[in-house]
């Protein structure tokens, strides 16, 4: 095996436009591509501005119901600031909470997919 990276993770959503607005305008990810894909389907891909693993916002997998993702972890260097910004956008966030490995908050996207926003530990802990 020569696997070198995880390229994409599919996130099942009901409405790609609504999901795209949430992942770009609220979470701050960048749009990588939004292309037609066959009849009545689109390839919508977002990723962090710095690159790395992308997310495809999918509607075409019947075996992946919207809201079925749990534990999608997004890393930030400013956990407190980002949680405050999410709350300003009306997003309900549980946290931040301290853990031995860092600070985190949990939230859901508009379809109920579970997201963990993870940041570095509080200095001195």
PDB file of N, CA and C in Angstrom:
ATOM      1  N   UNK A   1       0.840  -1.183   0.000  1.00  0.00           N
ATOM      2  CA  UNK A   1       0.000   0.000   0.000  1.00  0.00           C
ATOM      3  C   UNK A   1       0.883   1.243   0.000  1.00  0.00           C
ATOM      4  N   UNK A   2       0.442   2.241  -0.754  1.00  0.00           N
ATOM      5  CA  UNK A   2       1.182   3.492  -0.852  1.00  0.00           C
ATOM      6  C   UNK A   2       0.289   4.697  -0.580  1.00  0.00           C
ATOM      7  N   UNK A   3      -0.616   4.576   0.357  1.00  0.00           N
ATOM      8  CA  UNK A   3      -1.523   5.679   0.675  1.00  0.00           C
ATOM      9  C   UNK A   3      -0.722   6.784   1.353  1.00  0.00           C
ATOM     10  N   UNK A   4      -0.838   8.001   0.817  1.00  0.00           N
ATOM     11  CA  UNK A   4      -0.052   9.101   1.358  1.00  0.00           C
ATOM     12  C   UNK A   4      -0.895  10.188   2.016  1.00  0.00           C
ATOM     13  N   UNK A   5      -2.177  10.205   1.748  1.00  0.00           N
ATOM     14  CA  UNK A   5      -3.017  11.255   2.314  1.00  0.00           C
ATOM     15  C   UNK A   5      -4.486  10.849   2.224  1.00  0.00           C
ATOM     16  N   UNK A   6      -5.323  11.526   2.981  1.00  0.00           N
ATOM     17  CA  UNK A   6      -6.765  11.386   2.822  1.00  0.00           C
ATOM     18  C   UNK A   6      -7.205  12.572   1.987  1.00  0.00           C
ATOM     19  N   UNK A   7      -7.727  12.320   0.815  1.00  0.00           N
ATOM     20  CA  UNK A   7      -8.056  13.382  -0.128  1.00  0.00           C
ATOM     21  C   UNK A   7      -9.392  14.036   0.188  1.00  0.00           C
ATOM     22  N   UNK A   8     -10.439  13.217   0.384  1.00  0.00           N
ATOM     23  CA  UNK A   8     -11.796  13.734   0.554  1.00  0.00           C
ATOM     24  C   UNK A   8     -12.571  12.935   1.583  1.00  0.00           C
ATOM     25  N   UNK A   9     -13.502  13.606   2.225  1.00  0.00           N
ATOM     26  CA  UNK A   9     -14.487  12.959   3.068  1.00  0.00           C
ATOM     27  C   UNK A   9     -15.842  13.451   2.582  1.00  0.00           C
ATOM     28  N   UNK A  10     -16.771  12.543   2.329  1.00  0.00           N
ATOM     29  CA  UNK A  10     -18.106  12.927   1.875  1.00  0.00           C
ATOM     30  C   UNK A  10     -19.002  13.213   3.073  1.00  0.00           C
ATOM     31  N   UNK A  11     -19.698  14.342   3.010  1.00  0.00           N
ATOM     32  CA  UNK A  11     -20.634  14.751   4.051  1.00  0.00           C
ATOM     33  C   UNK A  11     -22.023  14.786   3.410  1.00  0.00           C
ATOM     34  N   UNK A  12     -22.935  13.927   3.867  1.00  0.00           N
ATOM     35  CA  UNK A  12     -24.267  13.886   3.254  1.00  0.00           C
ATOM     36  C   UNK A  12     -25.139  15.060   3.716  1.00  0.00           C
ATOM     37  N   UNK A  13     -25.741  15.745   2.739  1.00  0.00           N
ATOM     38  CA  UNK A  13     -26.578  16.910   3.018  1.00  0.00           C
ATOM     39  C   UNK A  13     -27.868  16.816   2.208  1.00  0.00           C
ATOM     40  N   UNK A  14     -28.868  17.576   2.614  1.00  0.00           N
ATOM     41  CA  UNK A  14     -30.127  17.592   1.856  1.00  0.00           C
ATOM     42  C   UNK A  14     -30.134  18.668   0.790  1.00  0.00           C
ATOM     43  N   UNK A  15     -29.470  19.785   1.051  1.00  0.00           N
ATOM     44  CA  UNK A  15     -29.492  20.938   0.150  1.00  0.00           C
ATOM     45  C   UNK A  15     -28.058  21.433  -0.012  1.00  0.00           C
ATOM     46  N   UNK A  16     -27.498  21.235  -1.192  1.00  0.00           N
ATOM     47  CA  UNK A  16     -26.093  21.593  -1.401  1.00  0.00           C
ATOM     48  C   UNK A  16     -25.855  23.093  -1.289  1.00  0.00           C
ATOM     49  N   UNK A  17     -26.791  23.915  -1.740  1.00  0.00           N
ATOM     50  CA  UNK A  17     -26.603  25.363  -1.644  1.00  0.00           C
ATOM     51  C   UNK A  17     -26.575  25.812  -0.180  1.00  0.00           C
ATOM     52  N   UNK A  18     -27.500  25.309   0.623  1.00  0.00           N
ATOM     53  CA  UNK A  18     -27.530  25.651   2.045  1.00  0.00           C
ATOM     54  C   UNK A  18     -26.256  25.167   2.743  1.00  0.00           C
ATOM     55  N   UNK A  19     -25.833  23.939   2.434  1.00  0.00           N
ATOM     56  CA  UNK A  19     -24.614  23.392   3.033  1.00  0.00           C
ATOM     57  C   UNK A  19     -23.388  24.182   2.591  1.00  0.00           C
ATOM     58  N   UNK A  20     -23.333  24.530   1.314  1.00  0.00           N
ATOM     59  CA  UNK A  20     -22.201  25.304   0.811  1.00  0.00           C
ATOM     60  C   UNK A  20     -22.107  26.644   1.529  1.00  0.00           C
ATOM     61  N   UNK A  21     -23.225  27.313   1.734  1.00  0.00           N
ATOM     62  CA  UNK A  21     -23.218  28.590   2.454  1.00  0.00           C
ATOM     63  C   UNK A  21     -22.714  28.395   3.882  1.00  0.00           C
ATOM     64  N   UNK A  22     -23.148  27.343   4.557  1.00  0.00           N
ATOM     65  CA  UNK A  22     -22.699  27.088   5.925  1.00  0.00           C
ATOM     66  C   UNK A  22     -21.199  26.810   5.966  1.00  0.00           C
ATOM     67  N   UNK A  23     -20.726  25.916   5.114  1.00  0.00           N
ATOM     68  CA  UNK A  23     -19.314  25.514   5.179  1.00  0.00           C
ATOM     69  C   UNK A  23     -18.364  26.623   4.718  1.00  0.00           C
ATOM     70  N   UNK A  24     -18.820  27.519   3.841  1.00  0.00           N
ATOM     71  CA  UNK A  24     -17.947  28.604   3.384  1.00  0.00           C
ATOM     72  C   UNK A  24     -18.161  29.886   4.189  1.00  0.00           C
ATOM     73  N   UNK A  25     -19.405  30.325   4.316  1.00  0.00           N
ATOM     74  CA  UNK A  25     -19.672  31.613   4.958  1.00  0.00           C
ATOM     75  C   UNK A  25     -19.603  31.542   6.478  1.00  0.00           C
ATOM     76  N   UNK A  26     -19.967  30.419   7.059  1.00  0.00           N
ATOM     77  CA  UNK A  26     -19.959  30.301   8.521  1.00  0.00           C
ATOM     78  C   UNK A  26     -18.656  29.666   9.009  1.00  0.00           C
ATOM     79  N   UNK A  27     -18.284  28.516   8.438  1.00  0.00           N
ATOM     80  CA  UNK A  27     -17.058  27.837   8.889  1.00  0.00           C
ATOM     81  C   UNK A  27     -15.792  28.400   8.244  1.00  0.00           C
ATOM     82  N   UNK A  28     -15.933  29.129   7.148  1.00  0.00           N
ATOM     83  CA  UNK A  28     -14.769  29.760   6.534  1.00  0.00           C
ATOM     84  C   UNK A  28     -13.952  28.870   5.620  1.00  0.00           C
ATOM     85  N   UNK A  29     -14.494  27.712   5.225  1.00  0.00           N
ATOM     86  CA  UNK A  29     -13.777  26.885   4.253  1.00  0.00           C
ATOM     87  C   UNK A  29     -13.893  27.544   2.884  1.00  0.00           C
ATOM     88  N   UNK A  30     -13.017  27.175   1.967  1.00  0.00           N
ATOM     89  CA  UNK A  30     -13.062  27.765   0.626  1.00  0.00           C
ATOM     90  C   UNK A  30     -13.704  26.788  -0.340  1.00  0.00           C
ATOM     91  N   UNK A  31     -14.373  27.320  -1.326  1.00  0.00           N
ATOM     92  CA  UNK A  31     -14.955  26.500  -2.375  1.00  0.00           C
ATOM     93  C   UNK A  31     -13.838  26.043  -3.302  1.00  0.00           C
ATOM     94  N   UNK A  32     -13.683  24.747  -3.468  1.00  0.00           N
ATOM     95  CA  UNK A  32     -12.680  24.188  -4.377  1.00  0.00           C
ATOM     96  C   UNK A  32     -13.290  24.015  -5.755  1.00  0.00           C
ATOM     97  N   UNK A  33     -14.487  23.424  -5.803  1.00  0.00           N
ATOM     98  CA  UNK A  33     -15.183  23.280  -7.084  1.00  0.00           C
ATOM     99  C   UNK A  33     -16.665  23.052  -6.855  1.00  0.00           C
ATOM    100  N   UNK A  34     -17.426  23.485  -7.839  1.00  0.00           N
ATOM    101  CA  UNK A  34     -18.873  23.296  -7.869  1.00  0.00           C
ATOM    102  C   UNK A  34     -19.214  23.040  -9.324  1.00  0.00           C
ATOM    103  N   UNK A  35     -19.282  21.756  -9.684  1.00  0.00           N
ATOM    104  CA  UNK A  35     -19.475  21.381 -11.076  1.00  0.00           C
ATOM    105  C   UNK A  35     -20.656  20.434 -11.241  1.00  0.00           C
ATOM    106  N   UNK A  36     -21.343  20.555 -12.382  1.00  0.00           N
ATOM    107  CA  UNK A  36     -22.377  19.559 -12.676  1.00  0.00           C
ATOM    108  C   UNK A  36     -21.757  18.170 -12.727  1.00  0.00           C
ATOM    109  N   UNK A  37     -22.525  17.194 -12.288  1.00  0.00           N
ATOM    110  CA  UNK A  37     -22.035  15.814 -12.289  1.00  0.00           C
ATOM    111  C   UNK A  37     -23.198  14.922 -12.701  1.00  0.00           C
ATOM    112  N   UNK A  38     -23.349  14.729 -13.999  1.00  0.00           N
ATOM    113  CA  UNK A  38     -24.466  13.935 -14.478  1.00  0.00           C
ATOM    114  C   UNK A  38     -25.756  14.715 -14.356  1.00  0.00           C
ATOM    115  N   UNK A  39     -26.849  14.015 -14.470  1.00  0.00           N
ATOM    116  CA  UNK A  39     -28.155  14.648 -14.423  1.00  0.00           C
ATOM    117  C   UNK A  39     -28.603  14.837 -12.972  1.00  0.00           C
ATOM    118  N   UNK A  40     -28.989  16.061 -12.631  1.00  0.00           N
ATOM    119  CA  UNK A  40     -29.510  16.390 -11.298  1.00  0.00           C
ATOM    120  C   UNK A  40     -28.519  16.158 -10.167  1.00  0.00           C
ATOM    121  N   UNK A  41     -27.229  16.278 -10.439  1.00  0.00           N
ATOM    122  CA  UNK A  41     -26.229  16.116  -9.380  1.00  0.00           C
ATOM    123  C   UNK A  41     -25.117  17.138  -9.590  1.00  0.00           C
ATOM    124  N   UNK A  42     -24.483  17.518  -8.484  1.00  0.00           N
ATOM    125  CA  UNK A  42     -23.356  18.449  -8.521  1.00  0.00           C
ATOM    126  C   UNK A  42     -22.226  17.901  -7.664  1.00  0.00           C
ATOM    127  N   UNK A  43     -21.013  18.201  -8.079  1.00  0.00           N
ATOM    128  CA  UNK A  43     -19.831  17.929  -7.271  1.00  0.00           C
ATOM    129  C   UNK A  43     -19.502  19.239  -6.561  1.00  0.00           C
ATOM    130  N   UNK A  44     -19.755  19.293  -5.258  1.00  0.00           N
ATOM    131  CA  UNK A  44     -19.483  20.486  -4.462  1.00  0.00           C
ATOM    132  C   UNK A  44     -18.418  20.102  -3.455  1.00  0.00           C
ATOM    133  N   UNK A  45     -17.264  20.755  -3.570  1.00  0.00           N
ATOM    134  CA  UNK A  45     -16.116  20.423  -2.719  1.00  0.00           C
ATOM    135  C   UNK A  45     -15.602  21.681  -2.034  1.00  0.00           C
ATOM    136  N   UNK A  46     -15.365  21.568  -0.735  1.00  0.00           N
ATOM    137  CA  UNK A  46     -14.798  22.655   0.058  1.00  0.00           C
ATOM    138  C   UNK A  46     -13.568  22.127   0.786  1.00  0.00           C
ATOM    139  N   UNK A  47     -12.704  23.045   1.206  1.00  0.00           N
ATOM    140  CA  UNK A  47     -11.487  22.650   1.923  1.00  0.00           C
ATOM    141  C   UNK A  47     -10.989  23.841   2.730  1.00  0.00           C
ATOM    142  N   UNK A  48     -10.138  23.586   3.718  1.00  0.00           N
ATOM    143  CA  UNK A  48      -9.522  24.702   4.447  1.00  0.00           C
ATOM    144  C   UNK A  48      -8.690  25.560   3.494  1.00  0.00           C
ATOM    145  N   UNK A  49      -8.572  26.835   3.789  1.00  0.00           N
ATOM    146  CA  UNK A  49      -7.787  27.741   2.946  1.00  0.00           C
ATOM    147  C   UNK A  49      -6.345  27.270   2.808  1.00  0.00           C
ATOM    148  N   UNK A  50      -5.823  26.617   3.843  1.00  0.00           N
ATOM    149  CA  UNK A  50      -4.435  26.155   3.822  1.00  0.00           C
ATOM    150  C   UNK A  50      -4.256  24.846   3.060  1.00  0.00           C
ATOM    151  N   UNK A  51      -5.344  24.283   2.553  1.00  0.00           N
ATOM    152  CA  UNK A  51      -5.265  23.013   1.834  1.00  0.00           C
ATOM    153  C   UNK A  51      -5.606  21.856   2.748  1.00  0.00           C
ATOM    154  N   UNK A  52      -5.182  20.696   2.370  1.00  0.00           N
ATOM    155  CA  UNK A  52      -5.468  19.515   3.171  1.00  0.00           C
ATOM    156  C   UNK A  52      -6.701  18.783   2.675  1.00  0.00           C
ATOM    157  N   UNK A  53      -7.228  17.938   3.506  1.00  0.00           N
ATOM    158  CA  UNK A  53      -8.369  17.105   3.147  1.00  0.00           C
ATOM    159  C   UNK A  53      -9.587  17.962   2.854  1.00  0.00           C
ATOM    160  N   UNK A  54     -10.253  17.659   1.747  1.00  0.00           N
ATOM    161  CA  UNK A  54     -11.457  18.372   1.365  1.00  0.00           C
ATOM    162  C   UNK A  54     -12.702  17.618   1.782  1.00  0.00           C
ATOM    163  N   UNK A  55     -13.825  18.317   1.718  1.00  0.00           N
ATOM    164  CA  UNK A  55     -15.121  17.722   1.992  1.00  0.00           C
ATOM    165  C   UNK A  55     -15.976  17.842   0.740  1.00  0.00           C
ATOM    166  N   UNK A  56     -16.638  16.768   0.359  1.00  0.00           N
ATOM    167  CA  UNK A  56     -17.640  16.850  -0.692  1.00  0.00           C
ATOM    168  C   UNK A  56     -19.005  16.850  -0.020  1.00  0.00           C
ATOM    169  N   UNK A  57     -19.836  17.771  -0.430  1.00  0.00           N
ATOM    170  CA  UNK A  57     -21.182  17.918   0.118  1.00  0.00           C
ATOM    171  C   UNK A  57     -22.108  17.164  -0.818  1.00  0.00           C
ATOM    172  N   UNK A  58     -22.494  15.952  -0.418  1.00  0.00           N
ATOM    173  CA  UNK A  58     -23.146  15.012  -1.336  1.00  0.00           C
ATOM    174  C   UNK A  58     -24.627  14.832  -1.043  1.00  0.00           C
ATOM    175  N   UNK A  59     -25.372  14.599  -2.118  1.00  0.00           N
ATOM    176  CA  UNK A  59     -26.800  14.303  -2.021  1.00  0.00           C
ATOM    177  C   UNK A  59     -27.154  13.004  -2.728  1.00  0.00           C
ATOM    178  N   UNK A  60     -26.197  12.400  -3.383  1.00  0.00           N
ATOM    179  CA  UNK A  60     -26.499  11.298  -4.289  1.00  0.00           C
ATOM    180  C   UNK A  60     -26.206   9.902  -3.741  1.00  0.00           C
ATOM    181  N   UNK A  61     -25.865   9.771  -2.460  1.00  0.00           N
ATOM    182  CA  UNK A  61     -25.622   8.456  -1.880  1.00  0.00           C
ATOM    183  C   UNK A  61     -26.810   8.058  -1.008  1.00  0.00           C
ATOM    184  N   UNK A  62     -27.716   7.226  -1.501  1.00  0.00           N
ATOM    185  CA  UNK A  62     -28.873   6.861  -0.681  1.00  0.00           C
ATOM    186  C   UNK A  62     -28.486   6.133   0.607  1.00  0.00           C
ATOM    187  N   UNK A  63     -27.336   5.482   0.621  1.00  0.00           N
ATOM    188  CA  UNK A  63     -26.903   4.772   1.822  1.00  0.00           C
ATOM    189  C   UNK A  63     -26.253   5.707   2.844  1.00  0.00           C
ATOM    190  N   UNK A  64     -26.132   7.004   2.513  1.00  0.00           N
ATOM    191  CA  UNK A  64     -25.569   8.009   3.418  1.00  0.00           C
ATOM    192  C   UNK A  64     -26.630   9.068   3.698  1.00  0.00           C
ATOM    193  N   UNK A  65     -27.441   8.874   4.722  1.00  0.00           N
ATOM    194  CA  UNK A  65     -28.493   9.859   4.988  1.00  0.00           C
ATOM    195  C   UNK A  65     -27.915  11.167   5.543  1.00  0.00           C
ATOM    196  N   UNK A  66     -28.477  12.299   5.139  1.00  0.00           N
ATOM    197  CA  UNK A  66     -28.035  13.573   5.709  1.00  0.00           C
ATOM    198  C   UNK A  66     -28.122  13.529   7.233  1.00  0.00           C
ATOM    199  N   UNK A  67     -27.107  14.085   7.865  1.00  0.00           N
ATOM    200  CA  UNK A  67     -27.037  14.069   9.324  1.00  0.00           C
ATOM    201  C   UNK A  67     -26.365  12.832   9.874  1.00  0.00           C
ATOM    202  N   UNK A  68     -25.881  11.954   9.001  1.00  0.00           N
ATOM    203  CA  UNK A  68     -25.294  10.696   9.451  1.00  0.00           C
ATOM    204  C   UNK A  68     -23.830  10.752   9.841  1.00  0.00           C
ATOM    205  N   UNK A  69     -23.188  11.895   9.653  1.00  0.00           N
ATOM    206  CA  UNK A  69     -21.770  12.015  10.011  1.00  0.00           C
ATOM    207  C   UNK A  69     -21.660  12.481  11.460  1.00  0.00           C
ATOM    208  N   UNK A  70     -20.772  11.852  12.208  1.00  0.00           N
ATOM    209  CA  UNK A  70     -20.480  12.264  13.583  1.00  0.00           C
ATOM    210  C   UNK A  70     -18.971  12.293  13.755  1.00  0.00           C
ATOM    211  N   UNK A  71     -18.483  13.289  14.467  1.00  0.00           N
ATOM    212  CA  UNK A  71     -17.056  13.321  14.772  1.00  0.00           C
ATOM    213  C   UNK A  71     -16.174  13.845  13.663  1.00  0.00           C
ATOM    214  N   UNK A  72     -16.698  14.690  12.784  1.00  0.00           N
ATOM    215  CA  UNK A  72     -15.859  15.353  11.796  1.00  0.00           C
ATOM    216  C   UNK A  72     -15.077  16.429  12.539  1.00  0.00           C
ATOM    217  N   UNK A  73     -13.758  16.271  12.629  1.00  0.00           N
ATOM    218  CA  UNK A  73     -12.937  17.168  13.438  1.00  0.00           C
ATOM    219  C   UNK A  73     -12.259  18.205  12.550  1.00  0.00           C
ATOM    220  N   UNK A  74     -12.498  19.482  12.870  1.00  0.00           N
ATOM    221  CA  UNK A  74     -11.872  20.598  12.174  1.00  0.00           C
ATOM    222  C   UNK A  74     -10.940  21.295  13.154  1.00  0.00           C
ATOM    223  N   UNK A  75      -9.716  21.546  12.736  1.00  0.00           N
ATOM    224  CA  UNK A  75      -8.684  22.133  13.596  1.00  0.00           C
ATOM    225  C   UNK A  75      -8.646  23.645  13.439  1.00  0.00           C
ATOM    226  N   UNK A  76      -8.472  24.364  14.544  1.00  0.00           N
ATOM    227  CA  UNK A  76      -8.324  25.818  14.535  1.00  0.00           C
ATOM    228  C   UNK A  76      -7.216  26.232  15.488  1.00  0.00           C
ATOM    229  N   UNK A  77      -6.603  27.362  15.210  1.00  0.00           N
ATOM    230  CA  UNK A  77      -5.602  27.921  16.120  1.00  0.00           C
ATOM    231  C   UNK A  77      -6.230  28.913  17.094  1.00  0.00           C
ATOM    232  N   UNK A  78      -7.511  29.270  16.866  1.00  0.00           N
ATOM    233  CA  UNK A  78      -8.195  30.257  17.700  1.00  0.00           C
ATOM    234  C   UNK A  78      -9.564  29.711  18.104  1.00  0.00           C
ATOM    235  N   UNK A  79      -9.566  28.715  18.972  1.00  0.00           N
ATOM    236  CA  UNK A  79     -10.802  28.037  19.347  1.00  0.00           C
ATOM    237  C   UNK A  79     -11.805  29.007  19.974  1.00  0.00           C
ATOM    238  N   UNK A  80     -11.359  29.862  20.881  1.00  0.00           N
ATOM    239  CA  UNK A  80     -12.284  30.770  21.545  1.00  0.00           C
ATOM    240  C   UNK A  80     -12.864  31.798  20.566  1.00  0.00           C
ATOM    241  N   UNK A  81     -12.023  32.366  19.728  1.00  0.00           N
ATOM    242  CA  UNK A  81     -12.487  33.336  18.740  1.00  0.00           C
ATOM    243  C   UNK A  81     -13.424  32.707  17.719  1.00  0.00           C
ATOM    244  N   UNK A  82     -13.094  31.506  17.265  1.00  0.00           N
ATOM    245  CA  UNK A  82     -13.940  30.852  16.273  1.00  0.00           C
ATOM    246  C   UNK A  82     -15.284  30.440  16.859  1.00  0.00           C
ATOM    247  N   UNK A  83     -15.288  29.993  18.100  1.00  0.00           N
ATOM    248  CA  UNK A  83     -16.566  29.647  18.732  1.00  0.00           C
ATOM    249  C   UNK A  83     -17.414  30.902  18.912  1.00  0.00           C
ATOM    250  N   UNK A  84     -16.796  32.012  19.286  1.00  0.00           N
ATOM    251  CA  UNK A  84     -17.540  33.267  19.412  1.00  0.00           C
ATOM    252  C   UNK A  84     -18.139  33.673  18.063  1.00  0.00           C
ATOM    253  N   UNK A  85     -17.370  33.538  16.982  1.00  0.00           N
ATOM    254  CA  UNK A  85     -17.874  33.886  15.648  1.00  0.00           C
ATOM    255  C   UNK A  85     -19.016  32.970  15.223  1.00  0.00           C
ATOM    256  N   UNK A  86     -18.902  31.678  15.542  1.00  0.00           N
ATOM    257  CA  UNK A  86     -19.984  30.751  15.219  1.00  0.00           C
ATOM    258  C   UNK A  86     -21.265  31.157  15.947  1.00  0.00           C
ATOM    259  N   UNK A  87     -21.142  31.502  17.212  1.00  0.00           N
ATOM    260  CA  UNK A  87     -22.313  31.916  17.990  1.00  0.00           C
ATOM    261  C   UNK A  87     -22.914  33.195  17.421  1.00  0.00           C
ATOM    262  N   UNK A  88     -22.068  34.111  16.914  1.00  0.00           N
ATOM    263  CA  UNK A  88     -22.573  35.331  16.269  1.00  0.00           C
ATOM    264  C   UNK A  88     -23.408  35.000  15.035  1.00  0.00           C
ATOM    265  N   UNK A  89     -23.079  33.877  14.381  1.00  0.00           N
ATOM    266  CA  UNK A  89     -23.836  33.414  13.211  1.00  0.00           C
ATOM    267  C   UNK A  89     -25.066  32.602  13.609  1.00  0.00           C
ATOM    268  N   UNK A  90     -25.337  32.503  14.900  1.00  0.00           N
ATOM    269  CA  UNK A  90     -26.507  31.769  15.356  1.00  0.00           C
ATOM    270  C   UNK A  90     -26.309  30.272  15.490  1.00  0.00           C
ATOM    271  N   UNK A  91     -25.056  29.815  15.432  1.00  0.00           N
ATOM    272  CA  UNK A  91     -24.759  28.387  15.559  1.00  0.00           C
ATOM    273  C   UNK A  91     -24.674  28.031  17.046  1.00  0.00           C
ATOM    274  N   UNK A  92     -25.360  26.978  17.439  1.00  0.00           N
ATOM    275  CA  UNK A  92     -25.274  26.489  18.814  1.00  0.00           C
ATOM    276  C   UNK A  92     -23.998  25.665  18.948  1.00  0.00           C
ATOM    277  N   UNK A  93     -23.143  26.062  19.869  1.00  0.00           N
ATOM    278  CA  UNK A  93     -21.869  25.374  20.096  1.00  0.00           C
ATOM    279  C   UNK A  93     -21.802  24.968  21.559  1.00  0.00           C
ATOM    280  N   UNK A  94     -21.482  23.726  21.808  1.00  0.00           N
ATOM    281  CA  UNK A  94     -21.236  23.235  23.160  1.00  0.00           C
ATOM    282  C   UNK A  94     -19.735  23.362  23.417  1.00  0.00           C
ATOM    283  N   UNK A  95     -19.357  24.294  24.258  1.00  0.00           N
ATOM    284  CA  UNK A  95     -17.943  24.494  24.536  1.00  0.00           C
ATOM    285  C   UNK A  95     -17.584  25.959  24.418  1.00  0.00           C
ATOM    286  N   UNK A  96     -16.311  26.255  24.547  1.00  0.00           N
ATOM    287  CA  UNK A  96     -15.201  25.312  24.528  1.00  0.00           C
ATOM    288  C   UNK A  96     -15.040  24.575  25.858  1.00  0.00           C
ATOM    289  N   UNK A  97     -14.496  23.393  25.726  1.00  0.00           N
ATOM    290  CA  UNK A  97     -14.196  22.548  26.868  1.00  0.00           C
ATOM    291  C   UNK A  97     -12.721  22.184  26.818  1.00  0.00           C
ATOM    292  N   UNK A  98     -12.143  21.976  27.993  1.00  0.00           N
ATOM    293  CA  UNK A  98     -10.746  21.569  28.059  1.00  0.00           C
ATOM    294  C   UNK A  98     -10.639  20.056  28.108  1.00  0.00           C
ATOM    295  N   UNK A  99      -9.651  19.531  27.414  1.00  0.00           N
ATOM    296  CA  UNK A  99      -9.334  18.101  27.418  1.00  0.00           C
ATOM    297  C   UNK A  99      -7.814  17.988  27.489  1.00  0.00           C
ATOM    298  N   UNK A 100      -7.288  16.833  27.851  1.00  0.00           N
ATOM    299  CA  UNK A 100      -5.830  16.689  27.946  1.00  0.00           C
ATOM    300  C   UNK A 100      -5.101  17.023  26.638  1.00  0.00           C
ATOM    301  N   UNK A 101      -5.745  16.844  25.517  1.00  0.00           N
ATOM    302  CA  UNK A 101      -5.108  17.072  24.218  1.00  0.00           C
ATOM    303  C   UNK A 101      -5.377  18.457  23.648  1.00  0.00           C
ATOM    304  N   UNK A 102      -6.250  19.247  24.294  1.00  0.00           N
ATOM    305  CA  UNK A 102      -6.553  20.582  23.782  1.00  0.00           C
ATOM    306  C   UNK A 102      -7.936  21.032  24.193  1.00  0.00           C
ATOM    307  N   UNK A 103      -8.418  22.063  23.530  1.00  0.00           N
ATOM    308  CA  UNK A 103      -9.760  22.585  23.780  1.00  0.00           C
ATOM    309  C   UNK A 103     -10.630  22.248  22.580  1.00  0.00           C
ATOM    310  N   UNK A 104     -11.932  22.091  22.829  1.00  0.00           N
ATOM    311  CA  UNK A 104     -12.814  21.747  21.728  1.00  0.00           C
ATOM    312  C   UNK A 104     -14.226  22.249  21.994  1.00  0.00           C
ATOM    313  N   UNK A 105     -14.969  22.357  20.915  1.00  0.00           N
ATOM    314  CA  UNK A 105     -16.388  22.660  20.973  1.00  0.00           C
ATOM    315  C   UNK A 105     -17.097  21.775  19.965  1.00  0.00           C
ATOM    316  N   UNK A 106     -18.346  21.468  20.226  1.00  0.00           N
ATOM    317  CA  UNK A 106     -19.102  20.625  19.299  1.00  0.00           C
ATOM    318  C   UNK A 106     -20.299  21.396  18.755  1.00  0.00           C
ATOM    319  N   UNK A 107     -20.648  21.094  17.521  1.00  0.00           N
ATOM    320  CA  UNK A 107     -21.750  21.749  16.831  1.00  0.00           C
ATOM    321  C   UNK A 107     -22.265  20.821  15.743  1.00  0.00           C
ATOM    322  N   UNK A 108     -23.329  21.228  15.106  1.00  0.00           N
ATOM    323  CA  UNK A 108     -23.837  20.478  13.959  1.00  0.00           C
ATOM    324  C   UNK A 108     -24.024  21.426  12.790  1.00  0.00           C
ATOM    325  N   UNK A 109     -23.950  20.859  11.585  1.00  0.00           N
ATOM    326  CA  UNK A 109     -24.262  21.644  10.397  1.00  0.00           C
ATOM    327  C   UNK A 109     -25.787  21.696  10.246  1.00  0.00           C
ATOM    328  N   UNK A 110     -26.311  22.386   9.237  1.00  0.00           N
ATOM    329  CA  UNK A 110     -27.765  22.495   9.102  1.00  0.00           C
ATOM    330  C   UNK A 110     -28.500  21.160   8.946  1.00  0.00           C
ATOM    331  N   UNK A 111     -27.796  20.100   8.561  1.00  0.00           N
ATOM    332  CA  UNK A 111     -28.426  18.783   8.412  1.00  0.00           C
ATOM    333  C   UNK A 111     -28.252  17.899   9.637  1.00  0.00           C
ATOM    334  N   UNK A 112     -27.524  18.378  10.635  1.00  0.00           N
ATOM    335  CA  UNK A 112     -27.307  17.589  11.846  1.00  0.00           C
ATOM    336  C   UNK A 112     -26.036  16.770  11.840  1.00  0.00           C
ATOM    337  N   UNK A 113     -25.174  16.949  10.846  1.00  0.00           N
ATOM    338  CA  UNK A 113     -23.875  16.270  10.860  1.00  0.00           C
ATOM    339  C   UNK A 113     -23.047  16.839  11.996  1.00  0.00           C
ATOM    340  N   UNK A 114     -22.442  15.953  12.804  1.00  0.00           N
ATOM    341  CA  UNK A 114     -21.699  16.372  13.986  1.00  0.00           C
ATOM    342  C   UNK A 114     -20.286  16.824  13.668  1.00  0.00           C
ATOM    343  N   UNK A 115     -19.928  18.008  14.167  1.00  0.00           N
ATOM    344  CA  UNK A 115     -18.613  18.596  13.925  1.00  0.00           C
ATOM    345  C   UNK A 115     -17.964  18.894  15.273  1.00  0.00           C
ATOM    346  N   UNK A 116     -16.679  18.596  15.372  1.00  0.00           N
ATOM    347  CA  UNK A 116     -15.880  18.955  16.536  1.00  0.00           C
ATOM    348  C   UNK A 116     -14.883  20.007  16.078  1.00  0.00           C
ATOM    349  N   UNK A 117     -14.912  21.159  16.714  1.00  0.00           N
ATOM    350  CA  UNK A 117     -13.913  22.197  16.451  1.00  0.00           C
ATOM    351  C   UNK A 117     -12.846  22.026  17.517  1.00  0.00           C
ATOM    352  N   UNK A 118     -11.624  21.757  17.080  1.00  0.00           N
ATOM    353  CA  UNK A 118     -10.539  21.403  17.987  1.00  0.00           C
ATOM    354  C   UNK A 118      -9.437  22.444  17.937  1.00  0.00           C
ATOM    355  N   UNK A 119      -8.945  22.812  19.125  1.00  0.00           N
ATOM    356  CA  UNK A 119      -7.871  23.791  19.193  1.00  0.00           C
ATOM    357  C   UNK A 119      -6.790  23.351  20.158  1.00  0.00           C
ATOM    358  N   UNK A 120      -5.742  24.143  20.256  1.00  0.00           N
ATOM    359  CA  UNK A 120      -4.635  23.789  21.150  1.00  0.00           C
ATOM    360  C   UNK A 120      -5.046  23.925  22.605  1.00  0.00           C
ATOM    361  N   UNK A 121      -4.299  23.292  23.518  1.00  0.00           N
ATOM    362  CA  UNK A 121      -4.608  23.424  24.945  1.00  0.00           C
ATOM    363  C   UNK A 121      -4.412  24.857  25.417  1.00  0.00           C
ATOM    364  N   UNK A 122      -5.078  25.187  26.494  1.00  0.00           N
ATOM    365  CA  UNK A 122      -4.884  26.487  27.124  1.00  0.00           C
ATOM    366  C   UNK A 122      -3.443  26.550  27.622  1.00  0.00           C
ATOM    367  N   UNK A 123      -2.720  27.643  27.353  1.00  0.00           N
ATOM    368  CA  UNK A 123      -1.332  27.747  27.822  1.00  0.00           C
ATOM    369  C   UNK A 123      -1.262  27.506  29.342  1.00  0.00           C
ATOM    370  N   UNK A 124      -0.278  26.734  29.729  1.00  0.00           N
ATOM    371  CA  UNK A 124      -0.056  26.459  31.127  1.00  0.00           C
ATOM    372  C   UNK A 124      -0.822  25.262  31.654  1.00  0.00           C
ATOM    373  N   UNK A 125      -1.552  24.567  30.776  1.00  0.00           N
ATOM    374  CA  UNK A 125      -2.294  23.377  31.252  1.00  0.00           C
ATOM    375  C   UNK A 125      -1.624  22.124  30.769  1.00  0.00           C
TER     376      UNK A 125
END
